[in-house]
Amino acid sequence: MISIDFSLTVALFTAVSLGALLVIWVFSRKQKDKELSLNPAFIWFCSVCTYNYVNTKEDKISVCPRCGSYNKKE
């Protein structure tokens, strides 16, 4: 019979468990990587401070979150 020290058993169990969690985490991350698309109508450009921002409201006039100026969609 092979004798194994208790501390070695705990270390091996911990290493195998962490390895399994790492493999599960890596494969689950690949499933979450989805292609996100954004409608160009929601991308705004501030004419004052040249800041690009996203406003999902379908308004014709938007307020820049950086400088507070009003911008009109053309």
N, C-alpha and C. Protein backbone atom coordinates (compact mmCIF):
# COMPACT_ATOMS: atom_id res chain seq x y z
N MET A 1 0.84 -1.17 0.00
CA MET A 1 0.00 0.00 0.00
C MET A 1 0.89 1.24 0.00
N ILE A 2 0.46 2.27 -0.71
CA ILE A 2 1.21 3.53 -0.78
C ILE A 2 0.77 4.42 0.36
N SER A 3 1.70 4.89 1.13
CA SER A 3 1.35 5.79 2.23
C SER A 3 1.59 7.23 1.78
N ILE A 4 0.60 8.06 2.02
CA ILE A 4 0.66 9.47 1.65
C ILE A 4 0.44 10.30 2.91
N ASP A 5 1.27 11.28 3.09
CA ASP A 5 1.15 12.18 4.23
C ASP A 5 -0.14 13.00 4.11
N PHE A 6 -0.75 13.37 5.21
CA PHE A 6 -2.01 14.12 5.21
C PHE A 6 -1.85 15.48 4.55
N SER A 7 -0.76 16.18 4.81
CA SER A 7 -0.55 17.51 4.22
C SER A 7 -0.38 17.41 2.71
N LEU A 8 0.25 16.34 2.22
CA LEU A 8 0.37 16.14 0.78
C LEU A 8 -1.00 15.87 0.16
N THR A 9 -1.82 15.12 0.85
CA THR A 9 -3.18 14.83 0.36
C THR A 9 -4.00 16.11 0.26
N VAL A 10 -3.92 16.95 1.26
CA VAL A 10 -4.65 18.22 1.24
C VAL A 10 -4.13 19.12 0.12
N ALA A 11 -2.82 19.17 -0.07
CA ALA A 11 -2.23 19.99 -1.13
C ALA A 11 -2.65 19.49 -2.50
N LEU A 12 -2.64 18.19 -2.72
CA LEU A 12 -3.06 17.64 -4.01
C LEU A 12 -4.54 17.89 -4.26
N PHE A 13 -5.37 17.71 -3.25
CA PHE A 13 -6.79 17.96 -3.41
C PHE A 13 -7.05 19.43 -3.74
N THR A 14 -6.36 20.33 -3.07
CA THR A 14 -6.52 21.76 -3.33
C THR A 14 -6.06 22.11 -4.74
N ALA A 15 -4.93 21.56 -5.17
CA ALA A 15 -4.41 21.85 -6.51
C ALA A 15 -5.35 21.32 -7.59
N VAL A 16 -5.86 20.12 -7.42
CA VAL A 16 -6.78 19.57 -8.41
C VAL A 16 -8.08 20.36 -8.45
N SER A 17 -8.59 20.77 -7.29
CA SER A 17 -9.82 21.55 -7.24
C SER A 17 -9.64 22.91 -7.91
N LEU A 18 -8.53 23.58 -7.62
CA LEU A 18 -8.28 24.88 -8.26
C LEU A 18 -8.06 24.74 -9.76
N GLY A 19 -7.41 23.67 -10.18
CA GLY A 19 -7.22 23.42 -11.60
C GLY A 19 -8.55 23.19 -12.31
N ALA A 20 -9.45 22.44 -11.68
CA ALA A 20 -10.77 22.21 -12.26
C ALA A 20 -11.56 23.51 -12.35
N LEU A 21 -11.49 24.34 -11.31
CA LEU A 21 -12.18 25.63 -11.35
C LEU A 21 -11.62 26.54 -12.43
N LEU A 22 -10.32 26.51 -12.63
CA LEU A 22 -9.71 27.31 -13.68
C LEU A 22 -10.18 26.86 -15.06
N VAL A 23 -10.23 25.57 -15.29
CA VAL A 23 -10.69 25.06 -16.58
C VAL A 23 -12.16 25.42 -16.81
N ILE A 24 -12.98 25.29 -15.80
CA ILE A 24 -14.40 25.65 -15.93
C ILE A 24 -14.55 27.14 -16.20
N TRP A 25 -13.75 27.96 -15.52
CA TRP A 25 -13.83 29.41 -15.72
C TRP A 25 -13.41 29.79 -17.14
N VAL A 26 -12.36 29.18 -17.66
CA VAL A 26 -11.88 29.51 -19.01
C VAL A 26 -12.92 29.15 -20.05
N PHE A 27 -13.53 27.98 -19.94
CA PHE A 27 -14.52 27.58 -20.93
C PHE A 27 -15.83 28.35 -20.79
N SER A 28 -16.18 28.77 -19.60
CA SER A 28 -17.40 29.56 -19.45
C SER A 28 -17.20 30.98 -19.97
N ARG A 29 -15.98 31.51 -19.91
CA ARG A 29 -15.72 32.85 -20.45
C ARG A 29 -15.87 32.87 -21.96
N LYS A 30 -15.51 31.79 -22.64
CA LYS A 30 -15.65 31.76 -24.10
C LYS A 30 -17.11 31.81 -24.51
N GLN A 31 -17.99 31.24 -23.71
CA GLN A 31 -19.41 31.26 -24.04
C GLN A 31 -19.99 32.65 -23.83
N LYS A 32 -19.44 33.42 -22.91
CA LYS A 32 -19.96 34.75 -22.63
C LYS A 32 -19.49 35.79 -23.64
N ASP A 33 -18.41 35.51 -24.36
CA ASP A 33 -17.90 36.47 -25.34
C ASP A 33 -18.83 36.49 -26.55
N LYS A 34 -19.71 37.44 -26.56
CA LYS A 34 -20.64 37.58 -27.66
C LYS A 34 -20.35 38.89 -28.38
N GLU A 35 -20.65 38.91 -29.62
CA GLU A 35 -20.41 40.12 -30.39
C GLU A 35 -21.50 41.14 -30.08
N LEU A 36 -21.07 42.27 -29.58
CA LEU A 36 -21.99 43.34 -29.27
C LEU A 36 -22.03 44.32 -30.44
N SER A 37 -23.21 44.71 -30.81
CA SER A 37 -23.33 45.68 -31.89
C SER A 37 -24.11 46.89 -31.36
N LEU A 38 -23.76 48.04 -31.85
CA LEU A 38 -24.38 49.28 -31.42
C LEU A 38 -24.88 50.01 -32.65
N ASN A 39 -26.09 50.42 -32.59
CA ASN A 39 -26.68 51.16 -33.69
C ASN A 39 -25.97 52.52 -33.81
N PRO A 40 -25.52 52.87 -34.99
CA PRO A 40 -24.83 54.17 -35.15
C PRO A 40 -25.70 55.38 -34.81
N ALA A 41 -27.00 55.20 -34.77
CA ALA A 41 -27.88 56.32 -34.42
C ALA A 41 -27.73 56.72 -32.96
N PHE A 42 -27.18 55.84 -32.12
CA PHE A 42 -27.03 56.12 -30.69
C PHE A 42 -25.66 56.70 -30.35
N ILE A 43 -24.76 56.79 -31.30
CA ILE A 43 -23.44 57.35 -31.06
C ILE A 43 -23.48 58.84 -31.38
N TRP A 44 -23.12 59.65 -30.40
CA TRP A 44 -23.18 61.09 -30.53
C TRP A 44 -21.77 61.67 -30.49
N PHE A 45 -21.57 62.80 -31.15
CA PHE A 45 -20.30 63.51 -31.17
C PHE A 45 -20.56 64.94 -30.73
N CYS A 46 -19.86 65.36 -29.68
CA CYS A 46 -20.01 66.73 -29.18
C CYS A 46 -19.19 67.68 -30.04
N SER A 47 -19.84 68.70 -30.53
CA SER A 47 -19.15 69.66 -31.40
C SER A 47 -18.31 70.66 -30.61
N VAL A 48 -18.49 70.74 -29.29
CA VAL A 48 -17.74 71.69 -28.47
C VAL A 48 -16.46 71.06 -27.93
N CYS A 49 -16.60 69.92 -27.24
CA CYS A 49 -15.43 69.31 -26.60
C CYS A 49 -14.92 68.07 -27.34
N THR A 50 -15.50 67.76 -28.48
CA THR A 50 -15.12 66.62 -29.34
C THR A 50 -15.15 65.29 -28.59
N TYR A 51 -16.14 65.10 -27.74
CA TYR A 51 -16.30 63.88 -26.96
C TYR A 51 -17.32 62.98 -27.66
N ASN A 52 -16.99 61.72 -27.83
CA ASN A 52 -17.93 60.75 -28.37
C ASN A 52 -18.63 60.07 -27.20
N TYR A 53 -19.95 59.96 -27.27
CA TYR A 53 -20.70 59.32 -26.20
C TYR A 53 -21.91 58.59 -26.77
N VAL A 54 -22.50 57.75 -25.93
CA VAL A 54 -23.64 56.95 -26.34
C VAL A 54 -24.87 57.46 -25.62
N ASN A 55 -25.93 57.71 -26.37
CA ASN A 55 -27.21 58.11 -25.81
C ASN A 55 -28.26 57.23 -26.48
N THR A 56 -28.86 56.32 -25.71
CA THR A 56 -29.79 55.37 -26.29
C THR A 56 -31.20 55.90 -26.44
N LYS A 57 -31.43 57.11 -26.02
CA LYS A 57 -32.75 57.72 -26.25
C LYS A 57 -32.82 58.17 -27.70
N GLU A 58 -33.99 58.08 -28.26
CA GLU A 58 -34.15 58.46 -29.66
C GLU A 58 -34.57 59.93 -29.76
N ASP A 59 -33.72 60.80 -29.25
CA ASP A 59 -33.97 62.23 -29.31
C ASP A 59 -33.18 62.84 -30.45
N LYS A 60 -33.62 64.02 -30.88
CA LYS A 60 -32.88 64.72 -31.92
C LYS A 60 -31.84 65.65 -31.32
N ILE A 61 -32.00 65.99 -30.04
CA ILE A 61 -31.06 66.85 -29.32
C ILE A 61 -30.61 66.10 -28.07
N SER A 62 -29.31 66.12 -27.82
CA SER A 62 -28.75 65.42 -26.67
C SER A 62 -27.80 66.34 -25.93
N VAL A 63 -27.65 66.09 -24.63
CA VAL A 63 -26.75 66.87 -23.80
C VAL A 63 -25.46 66.07 -23.60
N CYS A 64 -24.33 66.72 -23.85
CA CYS A 64 -23.03 66.07 -23.69
C CYS A 64 -22.77 65.82 -22.20
N PRO A 65 -22.40 64.59 -21.83
CA PRO A 65 -22.14 64.32 -20.41
C PRO A 65 -20.86 64.95 -19.88
N ARG A 66 -19.96 65.34 -20.76
CA ARG A 66 -18.70 65.93 -20.31
C ARG A 66 -18.82 67.45 -20.11
N CYS A 67 -19.30 68.17 -21.12
CA CYS A 67 -19.30 69.63 -21.01
C CYS A 67 -20.69 70.22 -20.84
N GLY A 68 -21.74 69.44 -21.04
CA GLY A 68 -23.10 69.93 -20.84
C GLY A 68 -23.69 70.71 -22.00
N SER A 69 -23.01 70.73 -23.14
CA SER A 69 -23.55 71.46 -24.28
C SER A 69 -24.57 70.59 -25.01
N TYR A 70 -25.46 71.27 -25.74
CA TYR A 70 -26.48 70.57 -26.49
C TYR A 70 -25.95 70.23 -27.88
N ASN A 71 -26.28 69.04 -28.34
CA ASN A 71 -25.84 68.58 -29.66
C ASN A 71 -27.05 68.11 -30.43
N LYS A 72 -27.04 68.41 -31.73
CA LYS A 72 -28.14 68.04 -32.61
C LYS A 72 -27.67 66.95 -33.55
N LYS A 73 -28.48 65.93 -33.71
CA LYS A 73 -28.16 64.84 -34.64
C LYS A 73 -28.51 65.29 -36.05
N GLU A 74 -27.55 65.12 -36.95
CA GLU A 74 -27.77 65.56 -38.32
C GLU A 74 -28.08 64.41 -39.20
